[in-house]
Amino acid sequence: MKLTGEAKLLRIFIGENDKHEGRPLYEVIVERARRAGLAGATVFRGLMGFGSKSHMHTAKVLRLSEDLPLLIEIVDLQARVDAFLPELDPLIPEGMITLEKVEVIAYRPGPERA
């Protein structure tokens, strides 16, 4: 797939403990993005953060939290991201979804892996 020029960056902010039907929500989202044929998805684990309830989540040694913030980023063409949003919306009962315009400078898929 060729992906250069104007695209959309979809960001999904959730918690590490968030689940969908007993499975980690981040896994469900990434698998569905892959099935939808999106260019790629990456999950980032935050060291510290808070959300709408102002509850602090942190990875400090003395105050271990198993519900650290997670950020999932997906970049693809606007039409492909727009088509994915209806599938994503019901999965996120708590969290935040943002969308912004980005410019893809290079997208170079490597060789296929077995």
Protein backbone atom coordinates (compact mmCIF):
# COMPACT_ATOMS: atom_id res chain seq x y z
CA MET A 1 0.00 0.00 0.00
CA LYS A 2 1.24 3.47 -0.84
CA LEU A 3 0.76 6.04 1.89
CA THR A 4 2.29 9.48 1.42
CA GLY A 5 1.02 13.00 1.69
CA GLU A 6 -2.03 14.06 3.66
CA ALA A 7 -3.40 11.46 6.06
CA LYS A 8 -5.15 11.23 9.43
CA LEU A 9 -3.71 10.36 12.84
CA LEU A 10 -6.20 8.58 15.07
CA ARG A 11 -5.28 8.59 18.76
CA ILE A 12 -7.11 6.46 21.29
CA PHE A 13 -6.49 7.11 24.99
CA ILE A 14 -7.51 4.23 27.27
CA GLY A 15 -6.35 2.49 30.45
CA GLU A 16 -4.25 -0.63 30.65
CA ASN A 17 -7.00 -2.46 32.57
CA ASP A 18 -9.75 -1.63 30.07
CA LYS A 19 -11.35 -4.77 28.68
CA HIS A 20 -13.75 -5.78 25.94
CA GLU A 21 -15.50 -9.09 26.53
CA GLY A 22 -12.75 -10.15 28.93
CA ARG A 23 -9.85 -9.31 26.59
CA PRO A 24 -7.46 -6.35 26.86
CA LEU A 25 -9.09 -3.51 24.94
CA TYR A 26 -5.84 -2.42 23.28
CA GLU A 27 -5.44 -5.90 21.74
CA VAL A 28 -9.01 -5.86 20.43
CA ILE A 29 -8.52 -2.42 18.86
CA VAL A 30 -5.21 -3.29 17.19
CA GLU A 31 -6.57 -6.59 15.85
CA ARG A 32 -9.65 -4.86 14.43
CA ALA A 33 -7.49 -2.16 12.84
CA ARG A 34 -5.42 -4.87 11.19
CA ARG A 35 -8.53 -6.70 9.96
CA ALA A 36 -9.83 -3.40 8.58
CA GLY A 37 -6.67 -3.13 6.49
CA LEU A 38 -5.35 0.03 8.13
CA ALA A 39 -1.71 0.90 7.48
CA GLY A 40 -0.57 0.17 11.04
CA ALA A 41 -1.18 0.67 14.73
CA THR A 42 1.13 1.17 17.70
CA VAL A 43 0.36 0.96 21.42
CA PHE A 44 2.31 3.19 23.81
CA ARG A 45 2.32 2.64 27.59
CA GLY A 46 2.44 5.81 29.66
CA LEU A 47 4.42 6.25 32.86
CA MET A 48 1.95 8.65 34.38
CA GLY A 49 -1.34 10.31 33.55
CA PHE A 50 -4.87 11.20 34.55
CA GLY A 51 -8.17 11.45 32.76
CA SER A 52 -11.57 13.06 33.16
CA LYS A 53 -11.97 11.81 36.75
CA SER A 54 -8.52 13.25 37.71
CA HIS A 55 -7.47 9.89 39.16
CA MET A 56 -3.66 9.69 38.96
CA HIS A 57 -2.15 6.59 37.32
CA THR A 58 1.58 6.17 37.83
CA ALA A 59 4.38 3.61 37.52
CA LYS A 60 6.28 4.85 40.60
CA VAL A 61 7.83 1.99 42.56
CA LEU A 62 6.19 2.87 45.87
CA ARG A 63 2.79 3.33 44.27
CA LEU A 64 2.45 0.63 41.67
CA SER A 65 -0.45 1.01 39.32
CA GLU A 66 -1.61 -1.74 37.04
CA ASP A 67 -3.87 0.67 35.19
CA LEU A 68 -1.33 2.81 33.40
CA PRO A 69 -2.43 5.05 30.55
CA LEU A 70 -2.23 3.59 27.04
CA LEU A 71 -2.16 5.47 23.75
CA ILE A 72 -2.96 3.72 20.47
CA GLU A 73 -1.94 5.56 17.31
CA ILE A 74 -3.18 4.68 13.85
CA VAL A 75 -2.24 6.59 10.69
CA ASP A 76 -3.97 6.09 7.36
CA LEU A 77 -5.89 7.89 4.65
CA GLN A 78 -8.93 9.82 5.85
CA ALA A 79 -11.44 7.56 4.09
CA ARG A 80 -9.98 4.44 5.71
CA VAL A 81 -9.89 6.00 9.18
CA ASP A 82 -13.45 7.33 8.75
CA ALA A 83 -14.63 3.84 7.80
CA PHE A 84 -13.01 2.42 10.97
CA LEU A 85 -14.50 4.94 13.43
CA PRO A 86 -17.99 3.35 13.64
CA GLU A 87 -16.39 0.04 14.61
CA LEU A 88 -14.20 1.74 17.22
CA ASP A 89 -16.82 3.91 18.95
CA PRO A 90 -18.76 1.14 20.77
CA LEU A 91 -15.52 -0.33 22.14
CA ILE A 92 -14.60 2.81 24.12
CA PRO A 93 -16.96 3.26 27.09
CA GLU A 94 -14.36 5.41 28.87
CA GLY A 95 -11.40 7.23 27.37
CA MET A 96 -10.80 9.68 24.54
CA ILE A 97 -10.48 9.49 20.77
CA THR A 98 -8.84 12.28 18.76
CA LEU A 99 -8.23 12.79 15.07
CA GLU A 100 -5.83 15.17 13.40
CA LYS A 101 -4.36 15.90 10.01
CA VAL A 102 -0.80 14.69 9.41
CA GLU A 103 1.55 14.56 6.47
CA VAL A 104 3.19 11.22 5.80
CA ILE A 105 6.74 11.74 4.60
CA ALA A 106 7.64 8.07 4.20
CA TYR A 107 5.85 4.75 4.65
CA ARG A 108 8.10 1.88 3.72
CA PRO A 109 6.77 -1.57 4.48
CA GLY A 110 9.55 -4.08 4.89
CA PRO A 111 9.60 -7.61 3.44
CA GLU A 112 6.74 -9.96 4.34
CA ARG A 113 7.35 -12.08 7.42
CA ALA A 114 6.21 -15.66 7.87
